[in-house]
Amino acid sequence: MTGTGRRVAREAVLVVLGGAGLGAAAWALFGLASYRARPDLCLAVGLTLAATWRLVGTTRPDLEPPAPGPADAAPEPGSFPELYLLEHRLSWGSVDPERFELRVRPQLVQLAEERLRQRHGVDRWREPDRARGILGEPLWLLMTGPPTVRPPSPSQVADLVAHLERI
């Protein structure tokens, strides 16, 4: 099982256990109040609350993960904290369309604009036809297309980055 699969399984177990606990607590509280509640409804409400709580938690913007290792330790040869953070963003960008639109796509667009400006002296707003010819269709659509419904796969993102490097 991959890391993403383990995380999803762990979160599902936490939602089920939390929901069952909330349902049992609601059923017990109703019992204390001399109200005879149906256990299946209490369980359903508890599961709904736990799932809603988890979904709301996923809509919060992520805090950037701390740089690996203790602050006073010397970095290992070949370790690049900025690269780690970028890799983290890219990996999440291939899972969540909203995160791709808010974090990954703007960075890729900015890189493409910088490459156009620095290496070819082209501004995509002033010379869109020339910029489109230099970028190619996939990058042009990334820069000018509508928000994506489904984020690109990791291999598609790797292809876009490789094409950016060739510009």
N, C-alpha and C. Protein backbone atom coordinates (compact mmCIF):
# COMPACT_ATOMS: atom_id res chain seq x y z
N MET A 1 0.85 -1.18 0.00
CA MET A 1 0.00 0.00 0.00
C MET A 1 0.90 1.24 0.00
N THR A 2 0.55 2.20 -0.81
CA THR A 2 1.35 3.42 -0.91
C THR A 2 1.09 4.32 0.29
N GLY A 3 1.91 5.36 0.42
CA GLY A 3 1.74 6.31 1.52
C GLY A 3 0.39 7.00 1.47
N THR A 4 -0.07 7.35 0.26
CA THR A 4 -1.38 7.99 0.12
C THR A 4 -2.48 7.03 0.51
N GLY A 5 -2.34 5.76 0.10
CA GLY A 5 -3.35 4.75 0.44
C GLY A 5 -3.44 4.52 1.93
N ARG A 6 -2.28 4.50 2.59
CA ARG A 6 -2.27 4.33 4.05
C ARG A 6 -2.93 5.51 4.74
N ARG A 7 -2.64 6.71 4.24
CA ARG A 7 -3.21 7.90 4.86
C ARG A 7 -4.73 7.91 4.70
N VAL A 8 -5.22 7.55 3.52
CA VAL A 8 -6.66 7.51 3.28
C VAL A 8 -7.31 6.46 4.17
N ALA A 9 -6.68 5.28 4.29
CA ALA A 9 -7.22 4.23 5.14
C ALA A 9 -7.24 4.66 6.60
N ARG A 10 -6.16 5.32 7.04
CA ARG A 10 -6.10 5.79 8.43
C ARG A 10 -7.20 6.82 8.70
N GLU A 11 -7.40 7.74 7.76
CA GLU A 11 -8.43 8.76 7.95
C GLU A 11 -9.82 8.14 7.95
N ALA A 12 -10.04 7.13 7.10
CA ALA A 12 -11.34 6.46 7.06
C ALA A 12 -11.61 5.76 8.40
N VAL A 13 -10.59 5.10 8.94
CA VAL A 13 -10.75 4.43 10.23
C VAL A 13 -11.05 5.45 11.33
N LEU A 14 -10.33 6.58 11.30
CA LEU A 14 -10.58 7.62 12.31
C LEU A 14 -12.00 8.18 12.20
N VAL A 15 -12.50 8.37 10.98
CA VAL A 15 -13.87 8.86 10.80
C VAL A 15 -14.87 7.85 11.33
N VAL A 16 -14.66 6.57 11.01
CA VAL A 16 -15.60 5.53 11.47
C VAL A 16 -15.58 5.42 12.99
N LEU A 17 -14.37 5.37 13.57
CA LEU A 17 -14.29 5.26 15.03
C LEU A 17 -14.85 6.51 15.72
N GLY A 18 -14.48 7.68 15.21
CA GLY A 18 -14.99 8.91 15.79
C GLY A 18 -16.51 9.01 15.66
N GLY A 19 -17.02 8.63 14.48
CA GLY A 19 -18.47 8.65 14.26
C GLY A 19 -19.20 7.68 15.16
N ALA A 20 -18.63 6.48 15.34
CA ALA A 20 -19.26 5.50 16.23
C ALA A 20 -19.25 6.02 17.67
N GLY A 21 -18.14 6.66 18.05
CA GLY A 21 -18.07 7.24 19.40
C GLY A 21 -19.08 8.35 19.59
N LEU A 22 -19.20 9.23 18.61
CA LEU A 22 -20.19 10.30 18.71
C LEU A 22 -21.61 9.75 18.75
N GLY A 23 -21.88 8.74 17.93
CA GLY A 23 -23.21 8.12 17.93
C GLY A 23 -23.53 7.46 19.26
N ALA A 24 -22.54 6.76 19.82
CA ALA A 24 -22.76 6.11 21.12
C ALA A 24 -22.96 7.15 22.22
N ALA A 25 -22.21 8.24 22.16
CA ALA A 25 -22.38 9.30 23.16
C ALA A 25 -23.77 9.94 23.04
N ALA A 26 -24.22 10.17 21.82
CA ALA A 26 -25.56 10.75 21.63
C ALA A 26 -26.63 9.80 22.15
N TRP A 27 -26.50 8.50 21.86
CA TRP A 27 -27.47 7.52 22.32
C TRP A 27 -27.50 7.47 23.86
N ALA A 28 -26.30 7.53 24.49
CA ALA A 28 -26.23 7.52 25.95
C ALA A 28 -26.85 8.77 26.55
N LEU A 29 -26.59 9.93 25.94
CA LEU A 29 -27.17 11.18 26.44
C LEU A 29 -28.68 11.17 26.31
N PHE A 30 -29.19 10.65 25.20
CA PHE A 30 -30.65 10.55 25.06
C PHE A 30 -31.21 9.60 26.12
N GLY A 31 -30.48 8.52 26.40
CA GLY A 31 -30.93 7.58 27.43
C GLY A 31 -30.98 8.23 28.81
N LEU A 32 -29.96 9.06 29.11
CA LEU A 32 -29.95 9.77 30.40
C LEU A 32 -31.12 10.74 30.51
N ALA A 33 -31.53 11.27 29.36
CA ALA A 33 -32.65 12.22 29.35
C ALA A 33 -33.99 11.49 29.26
N SER A 34 -33.99 10.17 29.45
CA SER A 34 -35.19 9.34 29.38
C SER A 34 -35.88 9.41 28.03
N TYR A 35 -35.10 9.55 26.99
CA TYR A 35 -35.63 9.54 25.63
C TYR A 35 -35.06 8.30 24.95
N ARG A 36 -35.93 7.54 24.35
CA ARG A 36 -35.50 6.29 23.72
C ARG A 36 -35.18 6.56 22.24
N ALA A 37 -33.91 6.79 21.97
CA ALA A 37 -33.47 7.08 20.60
C ALA A 37 -33.08 5.79 19.89
N ARG A 38 -33.27 5.78 18.60
CA ARG A 38 -32.86 4.61 17.81
C ARG A 38 -31.34 4.61 17.66
N PRO A 39 -30.68 3.53 18.04
CA PRO A 39 -29.21 3.47 17.96
C PRO A 39 -28.68 3.66 16.54
N ASP A 40 -29.41 3.14 15.53
CA ASP A 40 -28.92 3.28 14.16
C ASP A 40 -28.94 4.74 13.71
N LEU A 41 -29.94 5.51 14.16
CA LEU A 41 -29.97 6.94 13.82
C LEU A 41 -28.86 7.70 14.53
N CYS A 42 -28.61 7.35 15.78
CA CYS A 42 -27.52 7.99 16.52
C CYS A 42 -26.18 7.70 15.83
N LEU A 43 -25.99 6.46 15.38
CA LEU A 43 -24.76 6.10 14.68
C LEU A 43 -24.65 6.87 13.36
N ALA A 44 -25.75 6.98 12.63
CA ALA A 44 -25.72 7.70 11.35
C ALA A 44 -25.39 9.18 11.57
N VAL A 45 -25.98 9.78 12.59
CA VAL A 45 -25.68 11.19 12.88
C VAL A 45 -24.22 11.35 13.30
N GLY A 46 -23.72 10.43 14.13
CA GLY A 46 -22.32 10.49 14.55
C GLY A 46 -21.37 10.36 13.38
N LEU A 47 -21.64 9.41 12.47
CA LEU A 47 -20.78 9.23 11.29
C LEU A 47 -20.84 10.47 10.38
N THR A 48 -22.03 11.03 10.25
CA THR A 48 -22.17 12.24 9.43
C THR A 48 -21.37 13.39 10.01
N LEU A 49 -21.47 13.57 11.32
CA LEU A 49 -20.71 14.65 11.96
C LEU A 49 -19.20 14.43 11.82
N ALA A 50 -18.74 13.20 12.01
CA ALA A 50 -17.30 12.92 11.91
C ALA A 50 -16.81 13.13 10.48
N ALA A 51 -17.58 12.69 9.49
CA ALA A 51 -17.18 12.87 8.09
C ALA A 51 -17.18 14.35 7.72
N THR A 52 -18.18 15.09 8.19
CA THR A 52 -18.25 16.52 7.92
C THR A 52 -17.06 17.24 8.55
N TRP A 53 -16.74 16.88 9.77
CA TRP A 53 -15.60 17.49 10.46
C TRP A 53 -14.32 17.26 9.66
N ARG A 54 -14.14 16.04 9.15
CA ARG A 54 -12.93 15.72 8.37
C ARG A 54 -12.90 16.48 7.05
N LEU A 55 -14.05 16.58 6.38
CA LEU A 55 -14.11 17.30 5.10
C LEU A 55 -13.82 18.78 5.30
N VAL A 56 -14.35 19.36 6.36
CA VAL A 56 -14.07 20.77 6.65
C VAL A 56 -12.59 20.94 6.95
N GLY A 57 -11.99 19.97 7.62
CA GLY A 57 -10.56 20.03 7.90
C GLY A 57 -9.70 20.01 6.65
N THR A 58 -10.18 19.37 5.60
CA THR A 58 -9.39 19.32 4.35
C THR A 58 -9.49 20.61 3.56
N THR A 59 -10.46 21.47 3.87
CA THR A 59 -10.59 22.72 3.11
C THR A 59 -9.71 23.82 3.67
N ARG A 60 -9.15 23.62 4.85
CA ARG A 60 -8.22 24.62 5.39
C ARG A 60 -6.95 24.64 4.57
N PRO A 61 -6.36 25.81 4.39
CA PRO A 61 -5.08 25.83 3.67
C PRO A 61 -4.02 25.13 4.51
N ASP A 62 -3.17 24.39 3.81
CA ASP A 62 -2.10 23.66 4.49
C ASP A 62 -1.03 24.61 4.98
N LEU A 63 -0.52 24.31 6.13
CA LEU A 63 0.68 24.99 6.58
C LEU A 63 1.85 24.28 5.92
N GLU A 64 2.84 25.03 5.54
CA GLU A 64 3.99 24.41 4.91
C GLU A 64 4.68 23.51 5.93
N PRO A 65 5.08 22.30 5.51
CA PRO A 65 5.75 21.41 6.46
C PRO A 65 7.11 21.99 6.86
N PRO A 66 7.53 21.72 8.08
CA PRO A 66 8.83 22.23 8.49
C PRO A 66 9.93 21.57 7.68
N ALA A 67 11.03 22.28 7.57
CA ALA A 67 12.18 21.72 6.87
C ALA A 67 12.63 20.47 7.61
N PRO A 68 13.04 19.43 6.90
CA PRO A 68 13.42 18.18 7.57
C PRO A 68 14.66 18.36 8.43
N GLY A 69 14.65 17.64 9.55
CA GLY A 69 15.82 17.62 10.43
C GLY A 69 15.80 18.73 11.45
N PRO A 70 16.59 18.59 12.52
CA PRO A 70 16.67 19.64 13.53
C PRO A 70 17.29 20.91 12.97
N ALA A 71 16.94 22.03 13.59
CA ALA A 71 17.40 23.33 13.09
C ALA A 71 18.90 23.51 13.24
N ASP A 72 19.49 22.92 14.30
CA ASP A 72 20.91 23.15 14.51
C ASP A 72 21.80 22.12 13.82
N ALA A 73 21.20 21.12 13.17
CA ALA A 73 22.00 20.11 12.49
C ALA A 73 22.43 20.63 11.12
N ALA A 74 23.61 20.25 10.72
CA ALA A 74 24.10 20.65 9.40
C ALA A 74 23.33 19.87 8.34
N PRO A 75 22.95 20.53 7.24
CA PRO A 75 22.20 19.81 6.22
C PRO A 75 23.06 18.73 5.58
N GLU A 76 22.39 17.64 5.22
CA GLU A 76 23.11 16.56 4.56
C GLU A 76 23.52 17.01 3.16
N PRO A 77 24.62 16.49 2.66
CA PRO A 77 25.01 16.84 1.30
C PRO A 77 23.91 16.41 0.33
N GLY A 78 23.53 17.33 -0.54
CA GLY A 78 22.51 17.04 -1.54
C GLY A 78 21.09 17.25 -1.06
N SER A 79 20.89 17.70 0.20
CA SER A 79 19.52 17.94 0.66
C SER A 79 19.14 19.39 0.38
N PHE A 80 17.97 19.57 -0.16
CA PHE A 80 17.49 20.90 -0.51
C PHE A 80 16.09 21.08 0.06
N PRO A 81 15.94 21.82 1.17
CA PRO A 81 14.62 21.98 1.77
C PRO A 81 13.61 22.60 0.81
N GLU A 82 14.03 23.54 -0.02
CA GLU A 82 13.09 24.18 -0.95
C GLU A 82 12.57 23.15 -1.95
N LEU A 83 13.44 22.25 -2.38
CA LEU A 83 13.03 21.21 -3.32
C LEU A 83 12.04 20.26 -2.65
N TYR A 84 12.28 19.96 -1.38
CA TYR A 84 11.35 19.11 -0.63
C TYR A 84 9.97 19.76 -0.57
N LEU A 85 9.93 21.06 -0.28
CA LEU A 85 8.64 21.75 -0.20
C LEU A 85 7.94 21.76 -1.56
N LEU A 86 8.68 22.00 -2.62
CA LEU A 86 8.09 22.00 -3.95
C LEU A 86 7.57 20.61 -4.31
N GLU A 87 8.34 19.58 -3.97
CA GLU A 87 7.90 18.21 -4.24
C GLU A 87 6.61 17.91 -3.46
N HIS A 88 6.54 18.40 -2.24
CA HIS A 88 5.34 18.20 -1.42
C HIS A 88 4.14 18.86 -2.09
N ARG A 89 4.29 20.09 -2.55
CA ARG A 89 3.19 20.79 -3.23
C ARG A 89 2.77 20.05 -4.49
N LEU A 90 3.77 19.61 -5.27
CA LEU A 90 3.45 18.92 -6.51
C LEU A 90 2.72 17.60 -6.24
N SER A 91 3.14 16.87 -5.21
CA SER A 91 2.49 15.59 -4.93
C SER A 91 1.04 15.80 -4.52
N TRP A 92 0.75 16.82 -3.72
CA TRP A 92 -0.63 17.09 -3.33
C TRP A 92 -1.42 17.70 -4.49
N GLY A 93 -0.74 18.41 -5.37
CA GLY A 93 -1.42 19.01 -6.51
C GLY A 93 -2.00 17.99 -7.46
N SER A 94 -1.45 16.79 -7.48
CA SER A 94 -1.98 15.77 -8.37
C SER A 94 -3.15 15.01 -7.75
N VAL A 95 -3.49 15.32 -6.52
CA VAL A 95 -4.57 14.64 -5.83
C VAL A 95 -5.81 15.52 -5.73
N ASP A 96 -5.61 16.78 -5.47
CA ASP A 96 -6.70 17.70 -5.17
C ASP A 96 -6.77 18.80 -6.23
N PRO A 97 -7.87 18.89 -7.00
CA PRO A 97 -7.95 19.91 -8.04
C PRO A 97 -7.84 21.33 -7.50
N GLU A 98 -8.44 21.58 -6.35
CA GLU A 98 -8.40 22.93 -5.79
C GLU A 98 -6.97 23.31 -5.39
N ARG A 99 -6.28 22.37 -4.80
CA ARG A 99 -4.89 22.64 -4.41
C ARG A 99 -4.02 22.85 -5.64
N PHE A 100 -4.29 22.09 -6.71
CA PHE A 100 -3.54 22.29 -7.94
C PHE A 100 -3.76 23.70 -8.46
N GLU A 101 -5.02 24.15 -8.46
CA GLU A 101 -5.35 25.49 -8.99
C GLU A 101 -4.75 26.60 -8.13
N LEU A 102 -4.70 26.40 -6.82
CA LEU A 102 -4.24 27.47 -5.92
C LEU A 102 -2.73 27.49 -5.73
N ARG A 103 -2.06 26.35 -5.83
CA ARG A 103 -0.64 26.30 -5.49
C ARG A 103 0.28 25.90 -6.64
N VAL A 104 -0.10 24.87 -7.37
CA VAL A 104 0.81 24.33 -8.38
C VAL A 104 0.70 25.11 -9.69
N ARG A 105 -0.51 25.29 -10.17
CA ARG A 105 -0.69 25.96 -11.45
C ARG A 105 -0.08 27.36 -11.48
N PRO A 106 -0.31 28.20 -10.45
CA PRO A 106 0.31 29.53 -10.48
C PRO A 106 1.84 29.48 -10.55
N GLN A 107 2.46 28.52 -9.88
CA GLN A 107 3.92 28.41 -9.94
C GLN A 107 4.39 28.01 -11.33
N LEU A 108 3.69 27.07 -11.95
CA LEU A 108 4.06 26.65 -13.30
C LEU A 108 3.87 27.79 -14.30
N VAL A 109 2.77 28.55 -14.15
CA VAL A 109 2.52 29.68 -15.04
C VAL A 109 3.60 30.74 -14.86
N GLN A 110 3.97 31.02 -13.62
CA GLN A 110 5.02 32.01 -13.36
C GLN A 110 6.35 31.57 -13.97
N LEU A 111 6.69 30.30 -13.84
CA LEU A 111 7.93 29.80 -14.44
C LEU A 111 7.90 29.93 -15.96
N ALA A 112 6.77 29.60 -16.56
CA ALA A 112 6.65 29.70 -18.02
C ALA A 112 6.79 31.15 -18.47
N GLU A 113 6.15 32.08 -17.75
CA GLU A 113 6.25 33.50 -18.11
C GLU A 113 7.69 33.99 -17.98
N GLU A 114 8.37 33.57 -16.92
CA GLU A 114 9.77 33.97 -16.74
C GLU A 114 10.65 33.43 -17.85
N ARG A 115 10.45 32.17 -18.22
CA ARG A 115 11.23 31.59 -19.31
C ARG A 115 10.99 32.34 -20.61
N LEU A 116 9.74 32.64 -20.90
CA LEU A 116 9.43 33.39 -22.13
C LEU A 116 10.13 34.74 -22.13
N ARG A 117 10.05 35.43 -21.02
CA ARG A 117 10.61 36.78 -20.93
C ARG A 117 12.14 36.76 -20.97
N GLN A 118 12.76 35.87 -20.19
CA GLN A 118 14.21 35.86 -20.07
C GLN A 118 14.92 35.26 -21.28
N ARG A 119 14.38 34.18 -21.81
CA ARG A 119 15.09 33.48 -22.88
C ARG A 119 14.67 33.88 -24.28
N HIS A 120 13.45 34.45 -24.40
CA HIS A 120 12.96 34.77 -25.74
C HIS A 120 12.51 36.23 -25.87
N GLY A 121 12.49 36.97 -24.77
CA GLY A 121 12.06 38.37 -24.82
C GLY A 121 10.61 38.51 -25.22
N VAL A 122 9.77 37.57 -24.83
CA VAL A 122 8.36 37.56 -25.23
C VAL A 122 7.47 37.76 -24.01
N ASP A 123 6.53 38.68 -24.14
CA ASP A 123 5.49 38.87 -23.13
C ASP A 123 4.23 38.20 -23.66
N ARG A 124 3.69 37.25 -22.89
CA ARG A 124 2.55 36.48 -23.39
C ARG A 124 1.31 37.34 -23.63
N TRP A 125 1.21 38.48 -22.96
CA TRP A 125 0.05 39.35 -23.14
C TRP A 125 0.17 40.22 -24.39
N ARG A 126 1.39 40.59 -24.74
CA ARG A 126 1.60 41.45 -25.92
C ARG A 126 1.74 40.65 -27.20
N GLU A 127 2.34 39.46 -27.10
CA GLU A 127 2.56 38.63 -28.28
C GLU A 127 2.04 37.20 -28.02
N PRO A 128 0.72 37.06 -27.90
CA PRO A 128 0.19 35.74 -27.54
C PRO A 128 0.47 34.65 -28.58
N ASP A 129 0.44 35.00 -29.87
CA ASP A 129 0.68 33.97 -30.89
C ASP A 129 2.12 33.46 -30.82
N ARG A 130 3.06 34.37 -30.65
CA ARG A 130 4.47 33.97 -30.56
C ARG A 130 4.71 33.16 -29.27
N ALA A 131 4.11 33.61 -28.17
CA ALA A 131 4.26 32.88 -26.90
C ALA A 131 3.68 31.47 -27.02
N ARG A 132 2.53 31.36 -27.67
CA ARG A 132 1.89 30.05 -27.83
C ARG A 132 2.78 29.13 -28.66
N GLY A 133 3.41 29.67 -29.70
CA GLY A 133 4.29 28.86 -30.53
C GLY A 133 5.51 28.37 -29.77
N ILE A 134 6.06 29.21 -28.90
CA ILE A 134 7.24 28.82 -28.12
C ILE A 134 6.86 27.81 -27.04
N LEU A 135 5.74 28.05 -26.36
CA LEU A 135 5.35 27.20 -25.25
C LEU A 135 4.84 25.83 -25.68
N GLY A 136 4.12 25.79 -26.78
CA GLY A 136 3.46 24.55 -27.16
C GLY A 136 2.07 24.49 -26.54
N GLU A 137 1.26 23.63 -27.07
CA GLU A 137 -0.15 23.59 -26.67
C GLU A 137 -0.38 23.22 -25.20
N PRO A 138 0.29 22.19 -24.64
CA PRO A 138 0.00 21.83 -23.24
C PRO A 138 0.28 22.98 -22.27
N LEU A 139 1.43 23.64 -22.42
CA LEU A 139 1.75 24.75 -21.51
C LEU A 139 0.84 25.95 -21.76
N TRP A 140 0.51 26.21 -23.02
CA TRP A 140 -0.37 27.32 -23.33
C TRP A 140 -1.74 27.11 -22.69
N LEU A 141 -2.27 25.90 -22.79
CA LEU A 141 -3.55 25.60 -22.16
C LEU A 141 -3.47 25.71 -20.64
N LEU A 142 -2.35 25.31 -20.08
CA LEU A 142 -2.16 25.45 -18.64
C LEU A 142 -2.23 26.92 -18.23
N MET A 143 -1.62 27.79 -19.05
CA MET A 143 -1.55 29.21 -18.73
C MET A 143 -2.86 29.93 -18.98
N THR A 144 -3.59 29.54 -20.01
CA THR A 144 -4.75 30.33 -20.43
C THR A 144 -6.07 29.59 -20.29
N GLY A 145 -6.03 28.29 -20.06
CA GLY A 145 -7.26 27.50 -20.03
C GLY A 145 -8.05 27.73 -18.75
N PRO A 146 -9.28 27.19 -18.73
CA PRO A 146 -10.11 27.30 -17.54
C PRO A 146 -9.55 26.44 -16.41
N PRO A 147 -10.04 26.65 -15.19
CA PRO A 147 -9.59 25.81 -14.07
C PRO A 147 -9.85 24.34 -14.38
N THR A 148 -8.96 23.50 -13.91
CA THR A 148 -9.08 22.08 -14.20
C THR A 148 -10.09 21.43 -13.27
N VAL A 149 -10.84 20.50 -13.82
CA VAL A 149 -11.78 19.71 -13.02
C VAL A 149 -11.03 18.58 -12.35
N ARG A 150 -10.12 17.98 -13.10
CA ARG A 150 -9.30 16.90 -12.58
C ARG A 150 -7.84 17.33 -12.70
N PRO A 151 -7.10 17.27 -11.62
CA PRO A 151 -5.69 17.71 -11.71
C PRO A 151 -4.89 16.75 -12.58
N PRO A 152 -3.82 17.24 -13.19
CA PRO A 152 -2.99 16.35 -14.00
C PRO A 152 -2.30 15.31 -13.12
N SER A 153 -2.02 14.19 -13.73
CA SER A 153 -1.32 13.12 -13.00
C SER A 153 0.13 13.54 -12.76
N PRO A 154 0.80 12.86 -11.85
CA PRO A 154 2.21 13.19 -11.62
C PRO A 154 3.05 13.10 -12.90
N SER A 155 2.76 12.13 -13.77
CA SER A 155 3.54 12.02 -15.01
C SER A 155 3.24 13.19 -15.95
N GLN A 156 1.98 13.68 -15.96
CA GLN A 156 1.65 14.83 -16.79
C GLN A 156 2.35 16.09 -16.27
N VAL A 157 2.40 16.24 -14.95
CA VAL A 157 3.11 17.39 -14.37
C VAL A 157 4.60 17.29 -14.69
N ALA A 158 5.15 16.08 -14.62
CA ALA A 158 6.56 15.89 -14.97
C ALA A 158 6.81 16.26 -16.43
N ASP A 159 5.88 15.92 -17.32
CA ASP A 159 6.02 16.30 -18.72
C ASP A 159 5.98 17.81 -18.89
N LEU A 160 5.08 18.48 -18.17
CA LEU A 160 5.00 19.95 -18.25
C LEU A 160 6.32 20.58 -17.76
N VAL A 161 6.84 20.07 -16.65
CA VAL A 161 8.09 20.62 -16.11
C VAL A 161 9.25 20.36 -17.08
N ALA A 162 9.28 19.18 -17.66
CA ALA A 162 10.35 18.88 -18.63
C ALA A 162 10.25 19.81 -19.84
N HIS A 163 9.04 20.08 -20.28
CA HIS A 163 8.86 21.00 -21.42
C HIS A 163 9.27 22.42 -21.02
N LEU A 164 8.96 22.80 -19.79
CA LEU A 164 9.39 24.11 -19.30
C LEU A 164 10.91 24.24 -19.31
N GLU A 165 11.59 23.17 -18.93
CA GLU A 165 13.05 23.18 -18.89
C GLU A 165 13.65 23.32 -20.27
N ARG A 166 12.94 22.81 -21.29
CA ARG A 166 13.46 22.90 -22.66
C ARG A 166 13.24 24.26 -23.29
N ILE A 167 12.38 25.08 -22.74
CA ILE A 167 12.10 26.39 -23.33
C ILE A 167 13.30 27.29 -23.17
